[in-house]
Amino acid sequence: MNHTTTLNNIKEYINNRINRLKKDIYDEMSSFRRIILQNRQRSSTTKNIIGVSPEPYLDLISNPFNKCQWNYLSL
């Protein structure tokens, strides 16, 4: 009887420990999911920001400049 009780206690301990580890992992995963979601949201909002580097852009119906003038404006 003593061996059976000891074996059952060990099984119970192992099962409790496994369940606790599963819960800890689940809790950590939800934390990581939140962090990943925040990073994804930050990443998608930065795509809407206009860059600082100069980019040639003229909103004209027709282009009145020749290639040399256009290159000068693009500097």
PDB file of N, CA and C in Angstrom:
ATOM      1  N   MET A   1       0.820  -1.201   0.000  1.00  0.00           N
ATOM      2  CA  MET A   1       0.000   0.000   0.000  1.00  0.00           C
ATOM      3  C   MET A   1       0.860   1.258   0.000  1.00  0.00           C
ATOM      4  N   ASN A   2       1.932   1.220   0.721  1.00  0.00           N
ATOM      5  CA  ASN A   2       2.793   2.390   0.848  1.00  0.00           C
ATOM      6  C   ASN A   2       3.394   2.778  -0.502  1.00  0.00           C
ATOM      7  N   HIS A   3       3.789   1.788  -1.287  1.00  0.00           N
ATOM      8  CA  HIS A   3       4.366   2.067  -2.604  1.00  0.00           C
ATOM      9  C   HIS A   3       3.312   2.669  -3.540  1.00  0.00           C
ATOM     10  N   THR A   4       2.092   2.192  -3.446  1.00  0.00           N
ATOM     11  CA  THR A   4       1.018   2.710  -4.283  1.00  0.00           C
ATOM     12  C   THR A   4       0.707   4.159  -3.932  1.00  0.00           C
ATOM     13  N   THR A   5       0.688   4.463  -2.648  1.00  0.00           N
ATOM     14  CA  THR A   5       0.424   5.827  -2.204  1.00  0.00           C
ATOM     15  C   THR A   5       1.535   6.766  -2.664  1.00  0.00           C
ATOM     16  N   THR A   6       2.772   6.324  -2.532  1.00  0.00           N
ATOM     17  CA  THR A   6       3.901   7.137  -2.963  1.00  0.00           C
ATOM     18  C   THR A   6       3.846   7.369  -4.475  1.00  0.00           C
ATOM     19  N   LEU A   7       3.548   6.322  -5.217  1.00  0.00           N
ATOM     20  CA  LEU A   7       3.448   6.447  -6.671  1.00  0.00           C
ATOM     21  C   LEU A   7       2.318   7.401  -7.068  1.00  0.00           C
ATOM     22  N   ASN A   8       1.193   7.304  -6.407  1.00  0.00           N
ATOM     23  CA  ASN A   8       0.072   8.209  -6.687  1.00  0.00           C
ATOM     24  C   ASN A   8       0.423   9.653  -6.342  1.00  0.00           C
ATOM     25  N   ASN A   9       1.145   9.837  -5.245  1.00  0.00           N
ATOM     26  CA  ASN A   9       1.573  11.198  -4.870  1.00  0.00           C
ATOM     27  C   ASN A   9       2.516  11.781  -5.920  1.00  0.00           C
ATOM     28  N   ILE A  10       3.413  10.953  -6.415  1.00  0.00           N
ATOM     29  CA  ILE A  10       4.341  11.417  -7.452  1.00  0.00           C
ATOM     30  C   ILE A  10       3.572  11.770  -8.729  1.00  0.00           C
ATOM     31  N   LYS A  11       2.635  10.922  -9.120  1.00  0.00           N
ATOM     32  CA  LYS A  11       1.811  11.200 -10.306  1.00  0.00           C
ATOM     33  C   LYS A  11       1.028  12.494 -10.139  1.00  0.00           C
ATOM     34  N   GLU A  12       0.450  12.668  -8.970  1.00  0.00           N
ATOM     35  CA  GLU A  12      -0.326  13.881  -8.712  1.00  0.00           C
ATOM     36  C   GLU A  12       0.563  15.121  -8.773  1.00  0.00           C
ATOM     37  N   TYR A  13       1.760  15.022  -8.183  1.00  0.00           N
ATOM     38  CA  TYR A  13       2.695  16.146  -8.223  1.00  0.00           C
ATOM     39  C   TYR A  13       3.068  16.476  -9.672  1.00  0.00           C
ATOM     40  N   ILE A  14       3.404  15.438 -10.439  1.00  0.00           N
ATOM     41  CA  ILE A  14       3.804  15.657 -11.834  1.00  0.00           C
ATOM     42  C   ILE A  14       2.658  16.278 -12.633  1.00  0.00           C
ATOM     43  N   ASN A  15       1.447  15.770 -12.453  1.00  0.00           N
ATOM     44  CA  ASN A  15       0.300  16.333 -13.170  1.00  0.00           C
ATOM     45  C   ASN A  15       0.038  17.780 -12.775  1.00  0.00           C
ATOM     46  N   ASN A  16       0.136  18.076 -11.478  1.00  0.00           N
ATOM     47  CA  ASN A  16      -0.051  19.459 -11.026  1.00  0.00           C
ATOM     48  C   ASN A  16       1.027  20.371 -11.598  1.00  0.00           C
ATOM     49  N   ARG A  17       2.249  19.876 -11.614  1.00  0.00           N
ATOM     50  CA  ARG A  17       3.362  20.673 -12.137  1.00  0.00           C
ATOM     51  C   ARG A  17       3.188  20.924 -13.641  1.00  0.00           C
ATOM     52  N   ILE A  18       2.770  19.901 -14.365  1.00  0.00           N
ATOM     53  CA  ILE A  18       2.541  20.047 -15.807  1.00  0.00           C
ATOM     54  C   ILE A  18       1.436  21.065 -16.063  1.00  0.00           C
ATOM     55  N   ASN A  19       0.357  20.971 -15.319  1.00  0.00           N
ATOM     56  CA  ASN A  19      -0.749  21.922 -15.501  1.00  0.00           C
ATOM     57  C   ASN A  19      -0.320  23.345 -15.172  1.00  0.00           C
ATOM     58  N   ARG A  20       0.505  23.489 -14.148  1.00  0.00           N
ATOM     59  CA  ARG A  20       0.991  24.826 -13.781  1.00  0.00           C
ATOM     60  C   ARG A  20       1.899  25.384 -14.877  1.00  0.00           C
ATOM     61  N   LEU A  21       2.770  24.532 -15.414  1.00  0.00           N
ATOM     62  CA  LEU A  21       3.642  24.973 -16.505  1.00  0.00           C
ATOM     63  C   LEU A  21       2.830  25.364 -17.739  1.00  0.00           C
ATOM     64  N   LYS A  22       1.800  24.594 -18.057  1.00  0.00           N
ATOM     65  CA  LYS A  22       0.936  24.931 -19.193  1.00  0.00           C
ATOM     66  C   LYS A  22       0.269  26.281 -18.985  1.00  0.00           C
ATOM     67  N   LYS A  23      -0.199  26.529 -17.767  1.00  0.00           N
ATOM     68  CA  LYS A  23      -0.842  27.814 -17.464  1.00  0.00           C
ATOM     69  C   LYS A  23       0.159  28.955 -17.584  1.00  0.00           C
ATOM     70  N   ASP A  24       1.371  28.747 -17.049  1.00  0.00           N
ATOM     71  CA  ASP A  24       2.401  29.786 -17.150  1.00  0.00           C
ATOM     72  C   ASP A  24       2.736  30.087 -18.611  1.00  0.00           C
ATOM     73  N   ILE A  25       2.859  29.048 -19.416  1.00  0.00           N
ATOM     74  CA  ILE A  25       3.161  29.240 -20.840  1.00  0.00           C
ATOM     75  C   ILE A  25       2.017  29.979 -21.525  1.00  0.00           C
ATOM     76  N   TYR A  26       0.792  29.606 -21.214  1.00  0.00           N
ATOM     77  CA  TYR A  26      -0.371  30.271 -21.813  1.00  0.00           C
ATOM     78  C   TYR A  26      -0.387  31.755 -21.442  1.00  0.00           C
ATOM     79  N   ASP A  27      -0.103  32.058 -20.165  1.00  0.00           N
ATOM     80  CA  ASP A  27      -0.076  33.457 -19.724  1.00  0.00           C
ATOM     81  C   ASP A  27       1.021  34.240 -20.441  1.00  0.00           C
ATOM     82  N   GLU A  28       2.192  33.626 -20.583  1.00  0.00           N
ATOM     83  CA  GLU A  28       3.292  34.302 -21.277  1.00  0.00           C
ATOM     84  C   GLU A  28       2.961  34.513 -22.757  1.00  0.00           C
ATOM     85  N   MET A  29       2.314  33.549 -23.366  1.00  0.00           N
ATOM     86  CA  MET A  29       1.952  33.678 -24.780  1.00  0.00           C
ATOM     87  C   MET A  29       0.993  34.838 -24.999  1.00  0.00           C
ATOM     88  N   SER A  30       0.047  35.020 -24.096  1.00  0.00           N
ATOM     89  CA  SER A  30      -0.879  36.145 -24.263  1.00  0.00           C
ATOM     90  C   SER A  30      -0.134  37.470 -24.130  1.00  0.00           C
ATOM     91  N   SER A  31       0.869  37.504 -23.248  1.00  0.00           N
ATOM     92  CA  SER A  31       1.679  38.716 -23.112  1.00  0.00           C
ATOM     93  C   SER A  31       2.466  38.980 -24.398  1.00  0.00           C
ATOM     94  N   PHE A  32       3.071  37.937 -24.960  1.00  0.00           N
ATOM     95  CA  PHE A  32       3.823  38.093 -26.203  1.00  0.00           C
ATOM     96  C   PHE A  32       2.909  38.482 -27.354  1.00  0.00           C
ATOM     97  N   ARG A  33       1.696  37.927 -27.389  1.00  0.00           N
ATOM     98  CA  ARG A  33       0.747  38.299 -28.444  1.00  0.00           C
ATOM     99  C   ARG A  33       0.422  39.780 -28.380  1.00  0.00           C
ATOM    100  N   ARG A  34       0.254  40.288 -27.163  1.00  0.00           N
ATOM    101  CA  ARG A  34      -0.049  41.706 -26.984  1.00  0.00           C
ATOM    102  C   ARG A  34       1.113  42.558 -27.490  1.00  0.00           C
ATOM    103  N   ILE A  35       2.334  42.168 -27.156  1.00  0.00           N
ATOM    104  CA  ILE A  35       3.517  42.922 -27.595  1.00  0.00           C
ATOM    105  C   ILE A  35       3.630  42.890 -29.121  1.00  0.00           C
ATOM    106  N   ILE A  36       3.412  41.723 -29.720  1.00  0.00           N
ATOM    107  CA  ILE A  36       3.488  41.610 -31.183  1.00  0.00           C
ATOM    108  C   ILE A  36       2.414  42.458 -31.843  1.00  0.00           C
ATOM    109  N   LEU A  37       1.210  42.449 -31.279  1.00  0.00           N
ATOM    110  CA  LEU A  37       0.124  43.257 -31.834  1.00  0.00           C
ATOM    111  C   LEU A  37       0.459  44.746 -31.754  1.00  0.00           C
ATOM    112  N   GLN A  38       1.033  45.192 -30.624  1.00  0.00           N
ATOM    113  CA  GLN A  38       1.415  46.602 -30.491  1.00  0.00           C
ATOM    114  C   GLN A  38       2.482  46.963 -31.518  1.00  0.00           C
ATOM    115  N   ASN A  39       3.466  46.084 -31.700  1.00  0.00           N
ATOM    116  CA  ASN A  39       4.518  46.358 -32.684  1.00  0.00           C
ATOM    117  C   ASN A  39       3.948  46.409 -34.095  1.00  0.00           C
ATOM    118  N   ARG A  40       3.010  45.529 -34.402  1.00  0.00           N
ATOM    119  CA  ARG A  40       2.391  45.522 -35.727  1.00  0.00           C
ATOM    120  C   ARG A  40       1.605  46.804 -35.953  1.00  0.00           C
ATOM    121  N   GLN A  41       0.889  47.269 -34.915  1.00  0.00           N
ATOM    122  CA  GLN A  41       0.118  48.504 -35.053  1.00  0.00           C
ATOM    123  C   GLN A  41       1.052  49.691 -35.240  1.00  0.00           C
ATOM    124  N   ARG A  42       2.158  49.716 -34.482  1.00  0.00           N
ATOM    125  CA  ARG A  42       3.131  50.794 -34.645  1.00  0.00           C
ATOM    126  C   ARG A  42       3.718  50.773 -36.044  1.00  0.00           C
ATOM    127  N   SER A  43       4.023  49.587 -36.528  1.00  0.00           N
ATOM    128  CA  SER A  43       4.613  49.444 -37.855  1.00  0.00           C
ATOM    129  C   SER A  43       3.654  49.938 -38.935  1.00  0.00           C
ATOM    130  N   SER A  44       2.378  49.619 -38.800  1.00  0.00           N
ATOM    131  CA  SER A  44       1.418  50.040 -39.826  1.00  0.00           C
ATOM    132  C   SER A  44       1.158  51.541 -39.768  1.00  0.00           C
ATOM    133  N   THR A  45       1.277  52.163 -38.593  1.00  0.00           N
ATOM    134  CA  THR A  45       1.064  53.610 -38.520  1.00  0.00           C
ATOM    135  C   THR A  45       2.268  54.360 -39.067  1.00  0.00           C
ATOM    136  N   THR A  46       3.475  53.804 -38.954  1.00  0.00           N
ATOM    137  CA  THR A  46       4.643  54.506 -39.485  1.00  0.00           C
ATOM    138  C   THR A  46       4.647  54.493 -41.003  1.00  0.00           C
ATOM    139  N   LYS A  47       3.943  53.574 -41.629  1.00  0.00           N
ATOM    140  CA  LYS A  47       3.894  53.546 -43.087  1.00  0.00           C
ATOM    141  C   LYS A  47       3.124  54.736 -43.641  1.00  0.00           C
ATOM    142  N   ASN A  48       2.283  55.363 -42.836  1.00  0.00           N
ATOM    143  CA  ASN A  48       1.489  56.494 -43.294  1.00  0.00           C
ATOM    144  C   ASN A  48       2.235  57.820 -43.163  1.00  0.00           C
ATOM    145  N   ILE A  49       3.417  57.803 -42.569  1.00  0.00           N
ATOM    146  CA  ILE A  49       4.184  59.030 -42.367  1.00  0.00           C
ATOM    147  C   ILE A  49       4.978  59.340 -43.635  1.00  0.00           C
ATOM    148  N   ILE A  50       4.983  60.594 -44.022  1.00  0.00           N
ATOM    149  CA  ILE A  50       5.722  61.023 -45.212  1.00  0.00           C
ATOM    150  C   ILE A  50       7.190  61.159 -44.844  1.00  0.00           C
ATOM    151  N   GLY A  51       8.052  60.646 -45.690  1.00  0.00           N
ATOM    152  CA  GLY A  51       9.483  60.699 -45.440  1.00  0.00           C
ATOM    153  C   GLY A  51      10.023  62.118 -45.499  1.00  0.00           C
ATOM    154  N   VAL A  52      11.179  62.336 -44.864  1.00  0.00           N
ATOM    155  CA  VAL A  52      11.791  63.658 -44.805  1.00  0.00           C
ATOM    156  C   VAL A  52      12.666  63.903 -46.026  1.00  0.00           C
ATOM    157  N   SER A  53      13.183  62.848 -46.623  1.00  0.00           N
ATOM    158  CA  SER A  53      14.100  63.030 -47.743  1.00  0.00           C
ATOM    159  C   SER A  53      13.384  63.716 -48.907  1.00  0.00           C
ATOM    160  N   PRO A  54      14.078  64.606 -49.603  1.00  0.00           N
ATOM    161  CA  PRO A  54      13.423  65.330 -50.699  1.00  0.00           C
ATOM    162  C   PRO A  54      13.091  64.392 -51.853  1.00  0.00           C
ATOM    163  N   GLU A  55      11.864  64.450 -52.278  1.00  0.00           N
ATOM    164  CA  GLU A  55      11.416  63.640 -53.404  1.00  0.00           C
ATOM    165  C   GLU A  55      10.795  64.577 -54.434  1.00  0.00           C
ATOM    166  N   PRO A  56      11.253  64.510 -55.679  1.00  0.00           N
ATOM    167  CA  PRO A  56      10.699  65.405 -56.693  1.00  0.00           C
ATOM    168  C   PRO A  56       9.246  65.061 -56.984  1.00  0.00           C
ATOM    169  N   TYR A  57       8.393  66.044 -56.858  1.00  0.00           N
ATOM    170  CA  TYR A  57       6.976  65.830 -57.148  1.00  0.00           C
ATOM    171  C   TYR A  57       6.367  67.145 -57.595  1.00  0.00           C
ATOM    172  N   LEU A  58       5.827  67.158 -58.767  1.00  0.00           N
ATOM    173  CA  LEU A  58       5.115  68.327 -59.256  1.00  0.00           C
ATOM    174  C   LEU A  58       3.751  67.874 -59.746  1.00  0.00           C
ATOM    175  N   ASP A  59       2.732  68.567 -59.303  1.00  0.00           N
ATOM    176  CA  ASP A  59       1.375  68.217 -59.712  1.00  0.00           C
ATOM    177  C   ASP A  59       0.971  69.143 -60.856  1.00  0.00           C
ATOM    178  N   LEU A  60       1.447  68.832 -62.026  1.00  0.00           N
ATOM    179  CA  LEU A  60       1.167  69.661 -63.197  1.00  0.00           C
ATOM    180  C   LEU A  60       0.423  68.837 -64.235  1.00  0.00           C
ATOM    181  N   ILE A  61      -0.397  69.513 -65.005  1.00  0.00           N
ATOM    182  CA  ILE A  61      -1.118  68.825 -66.075  1.00  0.00           C
ATOM    183  C   ILE A  61      -0.132  68.409 -67.170  1.00  0.00           C
ATOM    184  N   SER A  62       0.772  69.296 -67.497  1.00  0.00           N
ATOM    185  CA  SER A  62       1.805  68.950 -68.478  1.00  0.00           C
ATOM    186  C   SER A  62       3.156  69.347 -67.897  1.00  0.00           C
ATOM    187  N   ASN A  63       4.205  68.693 -68.332  1.00  0.00           N
ATOM    188  CA  ASN A  63       5.538  68.951 -67.815  1.00  0.00           C
ATOM    189  C   ASN A  63       6.226  69.995 -68.701  1.00  0.00           C
ATOM    190  N   PRO A  64       6.372  71.239 -68.200  1.00  0.00           N
ATOM    191  CA  PRO A  64       6.969  72.294 -69.026  1.00  0.00           C
ATOM    192  C   PRO A  64       8.499  72.281 -69.010  1.00  0.00           C
ATOM    193  N   PHE A  65       9.118  71.355 -68.285  1.00  0.00           N
ATOM    194  CA  PHE A  65      10.571  71.362 -68.137  1.00  0.00           C
ATOM    195  C   PHE A  65      11.223  70.360 -69.082  1.00  0.00           C
ATOM    196  N   ASN A  66      12.433  70.733 -69.542  1.00  0.00           N
ATOM    197  CA  ASN A  66      13.215  69.759 -70.296  1.00  0.00           C
ATOM    198  C   ASN A  66      14.006  68.895 -69.301  1.00  0.00           C
ATOM    199  N   LYS A  67      14.748  67.918 -69.821  1.00  0.00           N
ATOM    200  CA  LYS A  67      15.423  66.964 -68.941  1.00  0.00           C
ATOM    201  C   LYS A  67      16.450  67.643 -68.041  1.00  0.00           C
ATOM    202  N   CYS A  68      17.192  68.593 -68.553  1.00  0.00           N
ATOM    203  CA  CYS A  68      18.208  69.298 -67.762  1.00  0.00           C
ATOM    204  C   CYS A  68      17.557  70.075 -66.622  1.00  0.00           C
ATOM    205  N   GLN A  69      16.475  70.787 -66.918  1.00  0.00           N
ATOM    206  CA  GLN A  69      15.768  71.541 -65.874  1.00  0.00           C
ATOM    207  C   GLN A  69      15.160  70.595 -64.830  1.00  0.00           C
ATOM    208  N   TRP A  70      14.623  69.489 -65.289  1.00  0.00           N
ATOM    209  CA  TRP A  70      14.021  68.523 -64.360  1.00  0.00           C
ATOM    210  C   TRP A  70      15.084  67.948 -63.417  1.00  0.00           C
ATOM    211  N   ASN A  71      16.272  67.627 -63.952  1.00  0.00           N
ATOM    212  CA  ASN A  71      17.359  67.124 -63.111  1.00  0.00           C
ATOM    213  C   ASN A  71      17.797  68.173 -62.100  1.00  0.00           C
ATOM    214  N   TYR A  72      17.819  69.437 -62.512  1.00  0.00           N
ATOM    215  CA  TYR A  72      18.186  70.507 -61.589  1.00  0.00           C
ATOM    216  C   TYR A  72      17.171  70.602 -60.449  1.00  0.00           C
ATOM    217  N   LEU A  73      15.895  70.500 -60.767  1.00  0.00           N
ATOM    218  CA  LEU A  73      14.859  70.566 -59.733  1.00  0.00           C
ATOM    219  C   LEU A  73      14.882  69.349 -58.812  1.00  0.00           C
ATOM    220  N   SER A  74      15.408  68.241 -59.297  1.00  0.00           N
ATOM    221  CA  SER A  74      15.422  67.000 -58.519  1.00  0.00           C
ATOM    222  C   SER A  74      16.561  66.939 -57.518  1.00  0.00           C
ATOM    223  N   LEU A  75      17.491  67.870 -57.561  1.00  0.00           N
ATOM    224  CA  LEU A  75      18.639  67.847 -56.632  1.00  0.00           C
ATOM    225  C   LEU A  75      18.232  68.045 -55.206  1.00  0.00           C
TER     226      LEU A  75
END
